Amino acid sequence: MRLFEDITNAHPFIKWVGGKTQLLNEVRKSLPLDFAERRHVTYVEPFVGGGAVLFWILQTYPNIEHAVINDINSELICTYRVIKEDVETLIEKLAAIQAEYIPLNAEGRKDYFMNQRALFNAKKTTPVETASLFIFLNRTCFNGLYRVNSRGEFNVPHGKYANPRICDADNLHACSAVLQKVEILCGDFAETGRYASPSTLFYFDPPYKPITETSSFTSYSKNGFNDAEQIRLRDFCDQISKDKALFVASNSDPKKVNPKEDFLDTIYNHFIIKRVSAARMINSDASGRGAISELMISNVFNA
């Protein structure tokens, strides 16, 4: 295991729909002006996803003494835990997969992918095997999407990448070092409420509200995340605000497409709402990629 002091630019180890790499500067501007000077800070991310904000904020603000991440996706959380606790074995598995996959022709690669996807969906693998399959499928599936069917089975088809980087050992080592001070949970976002305090910062990146009736091309989990869940998240923001915790949240901006669609503006009208421009490069339709408007919502009134 490498020492925490050896961290060198850890970045997300997977592609993730809605990843926040392009919005890190907007997240920074939403933080309290004195955030870097605060002490004994706890950072909580209840929908960690690909972890772009997590890896950035923990390397940018050393005053964060403790971090908590959570996600309802058990395979994703398994992968985070394996990277934290057994990264060397994971790297060995990924290197072996890469050595088997790369030399194959197009038909051989597709067959290999489908076999690994079936193995992943059987859910009978060890944690290290699950993590290696999760990363392999993410790196070689169509557009790096994560989508499941009603049975919770990963069903994204094979992608056509000439030389996908399946095993990035240097970044996995760096990610493992960052994760050493991170508590990793798997469950409902509301379970993180017990960490709310005046020294806590929450960042929420939930499944976005679709901007049109046809734009929800991927299911985050088999249960989905509908308007009732969006309201439950708003209520959670109210709750942690009463506990004096700070939060920043991202979401889509349906009003930009349909001026009458003010659902998010309405439910968060007692908080600060900013519209920001975000680049989106992962989409099943190429015409849906590019700069779009998103919402940054917070209770940080002095930022």
C-alpha atoms as a PDB file:
ATOM      1  CA  MET A   1       0.000   0.000   0.000  1.00  0.00           C
ATOM      2  CA  ARG A   2       1.346   3.408  -0.959  1.00  0.00           C
ATOM      3  CA  LEU A   3       1.410   6.170   1.628  1.00  0.00           C
ATOM      4  CA  PHE A   4      -1.267   8.866   1.628  1.00  0.00           C
ATOM      5  CA  GLU A   5       1.478  11.455   1.054  1.00  0.00           C
ATOM      6  CA  ASP A   6       2.174   9.867  -2.338  1.00  0.00           C
ATOM      7  CA  ILE A   7      -1.138  11.025  -3.855  1.00  0.00           C
ATOM      8  CA  THR A   8      -0.567  12.462  -7.325  1.00  0.00           C
ATOM      9  CA  ASN A   9      -3.685  13.692  -9.071  1.00  0.00           C
ATOM     10  CA  ALA A  10      -6.115  10.875  -8.356  1.00  0.00           C
ATOM     11  CA  HIS A  11      -9.063  11.096 -10.724  1.00  0.00           C
ATOM     12  CA  PRO A  12     -12.192   8.981 -11.369  1.00  0.00           C
ATOM     13  CA  PHE A  13     -11.356   5.365 -12.206  1.00  0.00           C
ATOM     14  CA  ILE A  14     -14.550   4.959 -14.276  1.00  0.00           C
ATOM     15  CA  LYS A  15     -16.608   6.919 -16.748  1.00  0.00           C
ATOM     16  CA  TRP A  16     -19.933   8.014 -15.273  1.00  0.00           C
ATOM     17  CA  VAL A  17     -22.997   9.668 -16.755  1.00  0.00           C
ATOM     18  CA  GLY A  18     -23.266  13.151 -15.290  1.00  0.00           C
ATOM     19  CA  GLY A  19     -19.711  13.114 -13.951  1.00  0.00           C
ATOM     20  CA  LYS A  20     -18.750  16.474 -12.492  1.00  0.00           C
ATOM     21  CA  THR A  21     -15.227  17.005 -13.833  1.00  0.00           C
ATOM     22  CA  GLN A  22     -16.491  19.884 -15.994  1.00  0.00           C
ATOM     23  CA  LEU A  23     -18.253  21.536 -13.038  1.00  0.00           C
ATOM     24  CA  LEU A  24     -15.522  21.496 -10.406  1.00  0.00           C
ATOM     25  CA  ASN A  25     -14.937  25.235 -10.664  1.00  0.00           C
ATOM     26  CA  GLU A  26     -18.655  25.897 -10.156  1.00  0.00           C
ATOM     27  CA  VAL A  27     -18.628  23.620  -7.106  1.00  0.00           C
ATOM     28  CA  ARG A  28     -15.653  25.572  -5.763  1.00  0.00           C
ATOM     29  CA  LYS A  29     -17.490  28.882  -6.225  1.00  0.00           C
ATOM     30  CA  SER A  30     -20.468  27.472  -4.313  1.00  0.00           C
ATOM     31  CA  LEU A  31     -18.405  26.712  -1.206  1.00  0.00           C
ATOM     32  CA  PRO A  32     -18.156  29.129   1.738  1.00  0.00           C
ATOM     33  CA  LEU A  33     -15.547  31.827   1.168  1.00  0.00           C
ATOM     34  CA  ASP A  34     -13.606  30.666   4.221  1.00  0.00           C
ATOM     35  CA  PHE A  35     -13.924  26.953   3.533  1.00  0.00           C
ATOM     36  CA  ALA A  36     -10.174  26.351   3.186  1.00  0.00           C
ATOM     37  CA  GLU A  37      -9.573  27.913   6.629  1.00  0.00           C
ATOM     38  CA  ARG A  38     -12.161  25.835   8.469  1.00  0.00           C
ATOM     39  CA  ARG A  39     -10.922  23.025  10.692  1.00  0.00           C
ATOM     40  CA  HIS A  40     -12.184  19.530  11.503  1.00  0.00           C
ATOM     41  CA  VAL A  41     -14.359  19.438   8.372  1.00  0.00           C
ATOM     42  CA  THR A  42     -16.342  16.346   7.440  1.00  0.00           C
ATOM     43  CA  TYR A  43     -17.259  15.895   3.767  1.00  0.00           C
ATOM     44  CA  VAL A  44     -20.268  13.736   2.840  1.00  0.00           C
ATOM     45  CA  GLU A  45     -21.262  12.651  -0.661  1.00  0.00           C
ATOM     46  CA  PRO A  46     -24.475  10.555  -0.590  1.00  0.00           C
ATOM     47  CA  PHE A  47     -24.514   9.867  -4.377  1.00  0.00           C
ATOM     48  CA  VAL A  48     -20.826   9.361  -5.082  1.00  0.00           C
ATOM     49  CA  GLY A  49     -21.062   7.959  -8.610  1.00  0.00           C
ATOM     50  CA  GLY A  50     -17.757   8.338 -10.429  1.00  0.00           C
ATOM     51  CA  GLY A  51     -16.262  10.427  -7.631  1.00  0.00           C
ATOM     52  CA  ALA A  52     -15.003  13.442  -9.605  1.00  0.00           C
ATOM     53  CA  VAL A  53     -15.902  15.875  -6.820  1.00  0.00           C
ATOM     54  CA  LEU A  54     -14.700  13.474  -4.121  1.00  0.00           C
ATOM     55  CA  PHE A  55     -11.183  13.055  -5.531  1.00  0.00           C
ATOM     56  CA  TRP A  56     -10.883  16.748  -6.382  1.00  0.00           C
ATOM     57  CA  ILE A  57     -12.097  18.120  -3.052  1.00  0.00           C
ATOM     58  CA  LEU A  58     -10.026  15.773  -0.863  1.00  0.00           C
ATOM     59  CA  GLN A  59      -6.846  16.678  -2.760  1.00  0.00           C
ATOM     60  CA  THR A  60      -7.657  20.409  -2.838  1.00  0.00           C
ATOM     61  CA  TYR A  61      -8.751  20.911   0.780  1.00  0.00           C
ATOM     62  CA  PRO A  62      -6.482  19.097   3.279  1.00  0.00           C
ATOM     63  CA  ASN A  63      -8.572  20.581   6.114  1.00  0.00           C
ATOM     64  CA  ILE A  64     -11.164  17.874   5.407  1.00  0.00           C
ATOM     65  CA  GLU A  65     -10.310  15.359   8.131  1.00  0.00           C
ATOM     66  CA  HIS A  66     -13.014  12.800   7.432  1.00  0.00           C
ATOM     67  CA  ALA A  67     -15.075  11.911   4.379  1.00  0.00           C
ATOM     68  CA  VAL A  68     -18.120   9.711   3.907  1.00  0.00           C
ATOM     69  CA  ILE A  69     -19.323   8.411   0.565  1.00  0.00           C
ATOM     70  CA  ASN A  70     -22.474   6.462  -0.218  1.00  0.00           C
ATOM     71  CA  ASP A  71     -24.262   5.042  -3.217  1.00  0.00           C
ATOM     72  CA  ILE A  72     -27.164   2.676  -3.735  1.00  0.00           C
ATOM     73  CA  ASN A  73     -25.245   0.833  -6.469  1.00  0.00           C
ATOM     74  CA  SER A  74     -23.718  -2.098  -4.573  1.00  0.00           C
ATOM     75  CA  GLU A  75     -21.276  -3.070  -7.345  1.00  0.00           C
ATOM     76  CA  LEU A  76     -19.969   0.481  -7.519  1.00  0.00           C
ATOM     77  CA  ILE A  77     -19.498   0.607  -3.756  1.00  0.00           C
ATOM     78  CA  CYS A  78     -17.835  -2.813  -3.811  1.00  0.00           C
ATOM     79  CA  THR A  79     -15.347  -1.381  -6.293  1.00  0.00           C
ATOM     80  CA  TYR A  80     -14.572   1.619  -4.079  1.00  0.00           C
ATOM     81  CA  ARG A  81     -13.988  -0.697  -1.123  1.00  0.00           C
ATOM     82  CA  VAL A  82     -11.695  -3.006  -3.075  1.00  0.00           C
ATOM     83  CA  ILE A  83      -9.657  -0.041  -4.350  1.00  0.00           C
ATOM     84  CA  LYS A  84      -9.312   1.178  -0.774  1.00  0.00           C
ATOM     85  CA  GLU A  85      -8.525  -2.189   0.833  1.00  0.00           C
ATOM     86  CA  ASP A  86      -6.991  -4.480  -1.826  1.00  0.00           C
ATOM     87  CA  VAL A  87      -5.828  -2.392  -4.759  1.00  0.00           C
ATOM     88  CA  GLU A  88      -2.813  -4.600  -5.605  1.00  0.00           C
ATOM     89  CA  THR A  89      -4.952  -7.698  -6.174  1.00  0.00           C
ATOM     90  CA  LEU A  90      -7.397  -5.627  -8.233  1.00  0.00           C
ATOM     91  CA  ILE A  91      -4.568  -4.345 -10.432  1.00  0.00           C
ATOM     92  CA  GLU A  92      -3.368  -7.916 -11.005  1.00  0.00           C
ATOM     93  CA  LYS A  93      -6.866  -8.976 -12.086  1.00  0.00           C
ATOM     94  CA  LEU A  94      -7.319  -6.005 -14.402  1.00  0.00           C
ATOM     95  CA  ALA A  95      -3.894  -6.509 -15.969  1.00  0.00           C
ATOM     96  CA  ALA A  96      -4.809 -10.135 -16.696  1.00  0.00           C
ATOM     97  CA  ILE A  97      -8.146  -9.101 -18.251  1.00  0.00           C
ATOM     98  CA  GLN A  98      -6.419  -6.449 -20.350  1.00  0.00           C
ATOM     99  CA  ALA A  99      -3.835  -8.975 -21.584  1.00  0.00           C
ATOM    100  CA  GLU A 100      -6.639 -11.347 -22.646  1.00  0.00           C
ATOM    101  CA  TYR A 101      -8.920  -8.757 -24.232  1.00  0.00           C
ATOM    102  CA  ILE A 102      -6.651  -6.398 -26.193  1.00  0.00           C
ATOM    103  CA  PRO A 103      -5.170  -8.974 -28.656  1.00  0.00           C
ATOM    104  CA  LEU A 104      -8.632 -10.242 -29.724  1.00  0.00           C
ATOM    105  CA  ASN A 105     -10.280  -9.279 -33.004  1.00  0.00           C
ATOM    106  CA  ALA A 106     -13.613  -7.421 -33.074  1.00  0.00           C
ATOM    107  CA  GLU A 107     -15.750 -10.556 -32.864  1.00  0.00           C
ATOM    108  CA  GLY A 108     -13.566 -12.060 -30.157  1.00  0.00           C
ATOM    109  CA  ARG A 109     -13.743  -8.886 -28.089  1.00  0.00           C
ATOM    110  CA  LYS A 110     -17.529  -8.792 -28.295  1.00  0.00           C
ATOM    111  CA  ASP A 111     -17.806 -12.446 -27.227  1.00  0.00           C
ATOM    112  CA  TYR A 112     -15.379 -11.827 -24.362  1.00  0.00           C
ATOM    113  CA  PHE A 113     -17.377  -8.773 -23.262  1.00  0.00           C
ATOM    114  CA  MET A 114     -20.683 -10.652 -23.323  1.00  0.00           C
ATOM    115  CA  ASN A 115     -19.228 -13.513 -21.292  1.00  0.00           C
ATOM    116  CA  GLN A 116     -17.863 -11.104 -18.679  1.00  0.00           C
ATOM    117  CA  ARG A 117     -21.177  -9.235 -18.567  1.00  0.00           C
ATOM    118  CA  ALA A 118     -23.034 -12.504 -17.912  1.00  0.00           C
ATOM    119  CA  LEU A 119     -20.563 -13.359 -15.159  1.00  0.00           C
ATOM    120  CA  PHE A 120     -21.046  -9.908 -13.618  1.00  0.00           C
ATOM    121  CA  ASN A 121     -24.847 -10.220 -13.710  1.00  0.00           C
ATOM    122  CA  ALA A 122     -24.753 -13.668 -12.098  1.00  0.00           C
ATOM    123  CA  LYS A 123     -23.606 -11.912  -8.889  1.00  0.00           C
ATOM    124  CA  LYS A 124     -21.608 -14.907  -7.671  1.00  0.00           C
ATOM    125  CA  THR A 125     -18.161 -13.337  -7.814  1.00  0.00           C
ATOM    126  CA  THR A 126     -15.770 -12.337  -5.037  1.00  0.00           C
ATOM    127  CA  PRO A 127     -15.416  -8.613  -4.221  1.00  0.00           C
ATOM    128  CA  VAL A 128     -12.164  -8.334  -6.222  1.00  0.00           C
ATOM    129  CA  GLU A 129     -13.726 -10.159  -9.182  1.00  0.00           C
ATOM    130  CA  THR A 130     -16.798  -7.918  -8.996  1.00  0.00           C
ATOM    131  CA  ALA A 131     -14.620  -4.792  -8.961  1.00  0.00           C
ATOM    132  CA  SER A 132     -12.468  -5.966 -11.870  1.00  0.00           C
ATOM    133  CA  LEU A 133     -15.537  -6.836 -13.934  1.00  0.00           C
ATOM    134  CA  PHE A 134     -17.174  -3.514 -13.053  1.00  0.00           C
ATOM    135  CA  ILE A 135     -14.154  -1.550 -14.298  1.00  0.00           C
ATOM    136  CA  PHE A 136     -13.669  -3.752 -17.372  1.00  0.00           C
ATOM    137  CA  LEU A 137     -17.314  -3.411 -18.446  1.00  0.00           C
ATOM    138  CA  ASN A 138     -17.245   0.337 -17.832  1.00  0.00           C
ATOM    139  CA  ARG A 139     -14.113   0.747 -19.959  1.00  0.00           C
ATOM    140  CA  THR A 140     -15.361  -1.395 -22.848  1.00  0.00           C
ATOM    141  CA  CYS A 141     -19.142  -0.904 -22.971  1.00  0.00           C
ATOM    142  CA  PHE A 142     -20.959   1.511 -25.263  1.00  0.00           C
ATOM    143  CA  ASN A 143     -20.185   5.121 -24.264  1.00  0.00           C
ATOM    144  CA  GLY A 144     -19.250   4.148 -20.712  1.00  0.00           C
ATOM    145  CA  LEU A 145     -22.918   4.065 -19.698  1.00  0.00           C
ATOM    146  CA  TYR A 146     -24.231   2.364 -16.588  1.00  0.00           C
ATOM    147  CA  ARG A 147     -27.758   1.093 -17.176  1.00  0.00           C
ATOM    148  CA  VAL A 148     -29.728  -1.734 -15.598  1.00  0.00           C
ATOM    149  CA  ASN A 149     -32.996  -3.411 -16.504  1.00  0.00           C
ATOM    150  CA  SER A 150     -35.969  -4.084 -14.219  1.00  0.00           C
ATOM    151  CA  ARG A 151     -34.146  -7.109 -12.789  1.00  0.00           C
ATOM    152  CA  GLY A 152     -31.142  -4.990 -11.874  1.00  0.00           C
ATOM    153  CA  GLU A 153     -28.978  -6.525 -14.600  1.00  0.00           C
ATOM    154  CA  PHE A 154     -26.351  -4.476 -16.409  1.00  0.00           C
ATOM    155  CA  ASN A 155     -27.452  -4.434 -20.054  1.00  0.00           C
ATOM    156  CA  VAL A 156     -25.255  -1.929 -21.910  1.00  0.00           C
ATOM    157  CA  PRO A 157     -23.894  -3.387 -25.183  1.00  0.00           C
ATOM    158  CA  HIS A 158     -20.263  -3.734 -26.175  1.00  0.00           C
ATOM    159  CA  GLY A 159     -18.416  -0.612 -27.316  1.00  0.00           C
ATOM    160  CA  LYS A 160     -15.860  -0.375 -30.114  1.00  0.00           C
ATOM    161  CA  TYR A 161     -12.684   1.134 -28.660  1.00  0.00           C
ATOM    162  CA  ALA A 162      -9.379   0.476 -30.400  1.00  0.00           C
ATOM    163  CA  ASN A 163      -7.204   0.430 -27.285  1.00  0.00           C
ATOM    164  CA  PRO A 164      -9.199   0.890 -24.055  1.00  0.00           C
ATOM    165  CA  ARG A 165      -7.134   1.420 -20.900  1.00  0.00           C
ATOM    166  CA  ILE A 166      -8.563  -1.278 -18.692  1.00  0.00           C
ATOM    167  CA  CYS A 167      -5.793  -1.283 -16.081  1.00  0.00           C
ATOM    168  CA  ASP A 168      -4.569   2.166 -14.999  1.00  0.00           C
ATOM    169  CA  ALA A 169      -2.353   1.093 -12.116  1.00  0.00           C
ATOM    170  CA  ASP A 170      -0.988   4.549 -11.302  1.00  0.00           C
ATOM    171  CA  ASN A 171      -4.419   6.101 -10.929  1.00  0.00           C
ATOM    172  CA  LEU A 172      -5.759   3.137  -8.955  1.00  0.00           C
ATOM    173  CA  HIS A 173      -2.859   3.543  -6.502  1.00  0.00           C
ATOM    174  CA  ALA A 174      -3.592   7.279  -6.209  1.00  0.00           C
ATOM    175  CA  CYS A 175      -7.319   6.641  -5.708  1.00  0.00           C
ATOM    176  CA  SER A 176      -6.554   4.040  -3.032  1.00  0.00           C
ATOM    177  CA  ALA A 177      -4.410   6.578  -1.172  1.00  0.00           C
ATOM    178  CA  VAL A 178      -7.194   9.182  -1.199  1.00  0.00           C
ATOM    179  CA  LEU A 179      -9.754   6.640  -0.016  1.00  0.00           C
ATOM    180  CA  GLN A 180      -7.788   5.780   3.123  1.00  0.00           C
ATOM    181  CA  LYS A 181      -9.591   8.548   5.025  1.00  0.00           C
ATOM    182  CA  VAL A 182     -12.990   7.818   3.490  1.00  0.00           C
ATOM    183  CA  GLU A 183     -15.804   5.872   5.133  1.00  0.00           C
ATOM    184  CA  ILE A 184     -17.684   3.932   2.457  1.00  0.00           C
ATOM    185  CA  LEU A 185     -21.416   3.192   2.795  1.00  0.00           C
ATOM    186  CA  CYS A 186     -23.965   1.484   0.556  1.00  0.00           C
ATOM    187  CA  GLY A 187     -27.624   2.347   0.929  1.00  0.00           C
ATOM    188  CA  ASP A 188     -30.225   5.082   0.820  1.00  0.00           C
ATOM    189  CA  PHE A 189     -28.918   8.650   0.764  1.00  0.00           C
ATOM    190  CA  ALA A 190     -30.958   9.552   3.852  1.00  0.00           C
ATOM    191  CA  GLU A 191     -28.794   7.256   5.979  1.00  0.00           C
ATOM    192  CA  THR A 192     -26.001   9.841   5.775  1.00  0.00           C
ATOM    193  CA  GLY A 193     -28.086  12.316   7.787  1.00  0.00           C
ATOM    194  CA  ARG A 194     -26.416  11.181  11.000  1.00  0.00           C
ATOM    195  CA  TYR A 195     -23.242  12.985   9.910  1.00  0.00           C
ATOM    196  CA  ALA A 196     -24.938  16.393   9.703  1.00  0.00           C
ATOM    197  CA  SER A 197     -23.344  19.020  11.951  1.00  0.00           C
ATOM    198  CA  PRO A 198     -22.084  22.619  11.702  1.00  0.00           C
ATOM    199  CA  SER A 199     -18.704  21.254  10.522  1.00  0.00           C
ATOM    200  CA  THR A 200     -20.161  19.086   7.734  1.00  0.00           C
ATOM    201  CA  LEU A 201     -20.353  19.809   4.019  1.00  0.00           C
ATOM    202  CA  PHE A 202     -22.658  17.669   1.873  1.00  0.00           C
ATOM    203  CA  TYR A 203     -22.415  17.469  -1.895  1.00  0.00           C
ATOM    204  CA  PHE A 204     -25.406  15.935  -3.702  1.00  0.00           C
ATOM    205  CA  ASP A 205     -25.241  14.662  -7.266  1.00  0.00           C
ATOM    206  CA  PRO A 206     -28.476  12.643  -7.496  1.00  0.00           C
ATOM    207  CA  PRO A 207     -29.925  11.025 -10.608  1.00  0.00           C
ATOM    208  CA  TYR A 208     -31.059  14.078 -12.546  1.00  0.00           C
ATOM    209  CA  LYS A 209     -34.653  14.957 -13.289  1.00  0.00           C
ATOM    210  CA  PRO A 210     -35.116  14.281 -17.049  1.00  0.00           C
ATOM    211  CA  ILE A 211     -35.188  17.510 -19.032  1.00  0.00           C
ATOM    212  CA  THR A 212     -37.743  16.005 -21.459  1.00  0.00           C
ATOM    213  CA  GLU A 213     -40.104  13.022 -21.360  1.00  0.00           C
ATOM    214  CA  THR A 214     -37.723  11.031 -23.614  1.00  0.00           C
ATOM    215  CA  SER A 215     -34.354  12.071 -22.205  1.00  0.00           C
ATOM    216  CA  SER A 216     -34.073   9.513 -19.394  1.00  0.00           C
ATOM    217  CA  PHE A 217     -32.015   7.047 -21.436  1.00  0.00           C
ATOM    218  CA  THR A 218     -30.477   5.286 -18.468  1.00  0.00           C
ATOM    219  CA  SER A 219     -31.741   3.809 -15.224  1.00  0.00           C
ATOM    220  CA  TYR A 220     -29.491   4.515 -12.286  1.00  0.00           C
ATOM    221  CA  SER A 221     -30.989   1.600 -10.378  1.00  0.00           C
ATOM    222  CA  LYS A 222     -33.865  -0.804 -10.930  1.00  0.00           C
ATOM    223  CA  ASN A 223     -36.082   1.361  -8.684  1.00  0.00           C
ATOM    224  CA  GLY A 224     -35.418   4.663 -10.461  1.00  0.00           C
ATOM    225  CA  PHE A 225     -35.439   8.180  -8.994  1.00  0.00           C
ATOM    226  CA  ASN A 226     -38.726   9.959  -9.697  1.00  0.00           C
ATOM    227  CA  ASP A 227     -40.213  13.295  -8.592  1.00  0.00           C
ATOM    228  CA  ALA A 228     -41.190  11.862  -5.218  1.00  0.00           C
ATOM    229  CA  GLU A 229     -37.530  10.976  -4.630  1.00  0.00           C
ATOM    230  CA  GLN A 230     -36.486  14.485  -5.702  1.00  0.00           C
ATOM    231  CA  ILE A 231     -38.873  15.916  -3.087  1.00  0.00           C
ATOM    232  CA  ARG A 232     -37.532  13.502  -0.471  1.00  0.00           C
ATOM    233  CA  LEU A 233     -34.032  14.773  -1.255  1.00  0.00           C
ATOM    234  CA  ARG A 234     -35.258  18.379  -0.857  1.00  0.00           C
ATOM    235  CA  ASP A 235     -36.723  17.435   2.528  1.00  0.00           C
ATOM    236  CA  PHE A 236     -33.362  15.921   3.474  1.00  0.00           C
ATOM    237  CA  CYS A 237     -31.664  19.202   2.538  1.00  0.00           C
ATOM    238  CA  ASP A 238     -34.122  20.993   4.818  1.00  0.00           C
ATOM    239  CA  GLN A 239     -33.305  18.557   7.608  1.00  0.00           C
ATOM    240  CA  ILE A 240     -29.521  18.885   7.444  1.00  0.00           C
ATOM    241  CA  SER A 241     -29.847  22.665   7.134  1.00  0.00           C
ATOM    242  CA  LYS A 242     -31.643  22.677  10.484  1.00  0.00           C
ATOM    243  CA  ASP A 243     -28.600  20.818  11.837  1.00  0.00           C
ATOM    244  CA  LYS A 244     -26.437  23.721  10.524  1.00  0.00           C
ATOM    245  CA  ALA A 245     -24.737  21.543   7.903  1.00  0.00           C
ATOM    246  CA  LEU A 246     -23.843  23.101   4.561  1.00  0.00           C
ATOM    247  CA  PHE A 247     -24.778  21.559   1.223  1.00  0.00           C
ATOM    248  CA  VAL A 248     -24.248  22.019  -2.478  1.00  0.00           C
ATOM    249  CA  ALA A 249     -26.406  20.065  -4.946  1.00  0.00           C
ATOM    250  CA  SER A 250     -26.401  19.615  -8.705  1.00  0.00           C
ATOM    251  CA  ASN A 251     -29.367  18.816 -10.906  1.00  0.00           C
ATOM    252  CA  SER A 252     -30.682  19.244 -14.417  1.00  0.00           C
ATOM    253  CA  ASP A 253     -32.347  22.408 -15.689  1.00  0.00           C
ATOM    254  CA  PRO A 254     -35.613  21.319 -17.370  1.00  0.00           C
ATOM    255  CA  LYS A 255     -36.818  24.925 -17.365  1.00  0.00           C
ATOM    256  CA  LYS A 256     -34.146  25.774 -19.916  1.00  0.00           C
ATOM    257  CA  VAL A 257     -35.913  23.437 -22.361  1.00  0.00           C
ATOM    258  CA  ASN A 258     -39.475  24.075 -21.222  1.00  0.00           C
ATOM    259  CA  PRO A 259     -40.035  27.462 -19.495  1.00  0.00           C
ATOM    260  CA  LYS A 260     -43.169  26.058 -17.829  1.00  0.00           C
ATOM    261  CA  GLU A 261     -41.212  23.257 -16.142  1.00  0.00           C
ATOM    262  CA  ASP A 262     -40.395  24.854 -12.796  1.00  0.00           C
ATOM    263  CA  PHE A 263     -40.515  21.782 -10.534  1.00  0.00           C
ATOM    264  CA  LEU A 264     -36.950  22.077  -9.218  1.00  0.00           C
ATOM    265  CA  ASP A 265     -37.098  25.878  -9.036  1.00  0.00           C
ATOM    266  CA  THR A 266     -40.244  25.570  -6.933  1.00  0.00           C
ATOM    267  CA  ILE A 267     -39.185  22.895  -4.456  1.00  0.00           C
ATOM    268  CA  TYR A 268     -35.805  24.583  -3.840  1.00  0.00           C
ATOM    269  CA  ASN A 269     -37.094  28.184  -3.884  1.00  0.00           C
ATOM    270  CA  HIS A 270     -35.909  28.842  -0.311  1.00  0.00           C
ATOM    271  CA  PHE A 271     -32.309  28.018  -1.226  1.00  0.00           C
ATOM    272  CA  ILE A 272     -29.806  29.611  -3.600  1.00  0.00           C
ATOM    273  CA  ILE A 273     -30.233  28.412  -7.199  1.00  0.00           C
ATOM    274  CA  LYS A 274     -27.650  29.183  -9.888  1.00  0.00           C
ATOM    275  CA  ARG A 275     -27.692  28.144 -13.536  1.00  0.00           C
ATOM    276  CA  VAL A 276     -24.336  27.023 -14.878  1.00  0.00           C
ATOM    277  CA  SER A 277     -23.034  25.629 -18.147  1.00  0.00           C
ATOM    278  CA  ALA A 278     -21.795  22.027 -18.160  1.00  0.00           C
ATOM    279  CA  ALA A 279     -20.200  19.920 -20.891  1.00  0.00           C
ATOM    280  CA  ARG A 280     -21.747  16.495 -21.342  1.00  0.00           C
ATOM    281  CA  MET A 281     -19.754  13.953 -23.364  1.00  0.00           C
ATOM    282  CA  ILE A 282     -21.520  10.683 -22.423  1.00  0.00           C
ATOM    283  CA  ASN A 283     -24.843  10.297 -24.221  1.00  0.00           C
ATOM    284  CA  SER A 284     -26.380   7.531 -26.318  1.00  0.00           C
ATOM    285  CA  ASP A 285     -27.210  10.160 -28.942  1.00  0.00           C
ATOM    286  CA  ALA A 286     -24.307  12.260 -30.256  1.00  0.00           C
ATOM    287  CA  SER A 287     -26.655  15.224 -30.730  1.00  0.00           C
ATOM    288  CA  GLY A 288     -27.226  15.241 -26.981  1.00  0.00           C
ATOM    289  CA  ARG A 289     -23.580  15.924 -26.182  1.00  0.00           C
ATOM    290  CA  GLY A 290     -22.091  19.351 -25.641  1.00  0.00           C
ATOM    291  CA  ALA A 291     -22.796  22.307 -23.348  1.00  0.00           C
ATOM    292  CA  ILE A 292     -26.067  22.276 -21.411  1.00  0.00           C
ATOM    293  CA  SER A 293     -27.527  24.251 -18.526  1.00  0.00           C
ATOM    294  CA  GLU A 294     -27.544  22.705 -15.049  1.00  0.00           C
ATOM    295  CA  LEU A 295     -28.623  23.857 -11.599  1.00  0.00           C
ATOM    296  CA  MET A 296     -26.324  24.415  -8.626  1.00  0.00           C
ATOM    297  CA  ILE A 297     -28.411  24.583  -5.446  1.00  0.00           C
ATOM    298  CA  SER A 298     -27.021  25.406  -2.004  1.00  0.00           C
ATOM    299  CA  ASN A 299     -27.659  26.818   1.434  1.00  0.00           C
ATOM    300  CA  VAL A 300     -24.313  28.678   1.375  1.00  0.00           C
ATOM    301  CA  PHE A 301     -25.522  32.268   1.446  1.00  0.00           C
ATOM    302  CA  ASN A 302     -22.107  33.925   1.769  1.00  0.00           C
ATOM    303  CA  ALA A 303     -20.465  32.283  -1.267  1.00  0.00           C
END
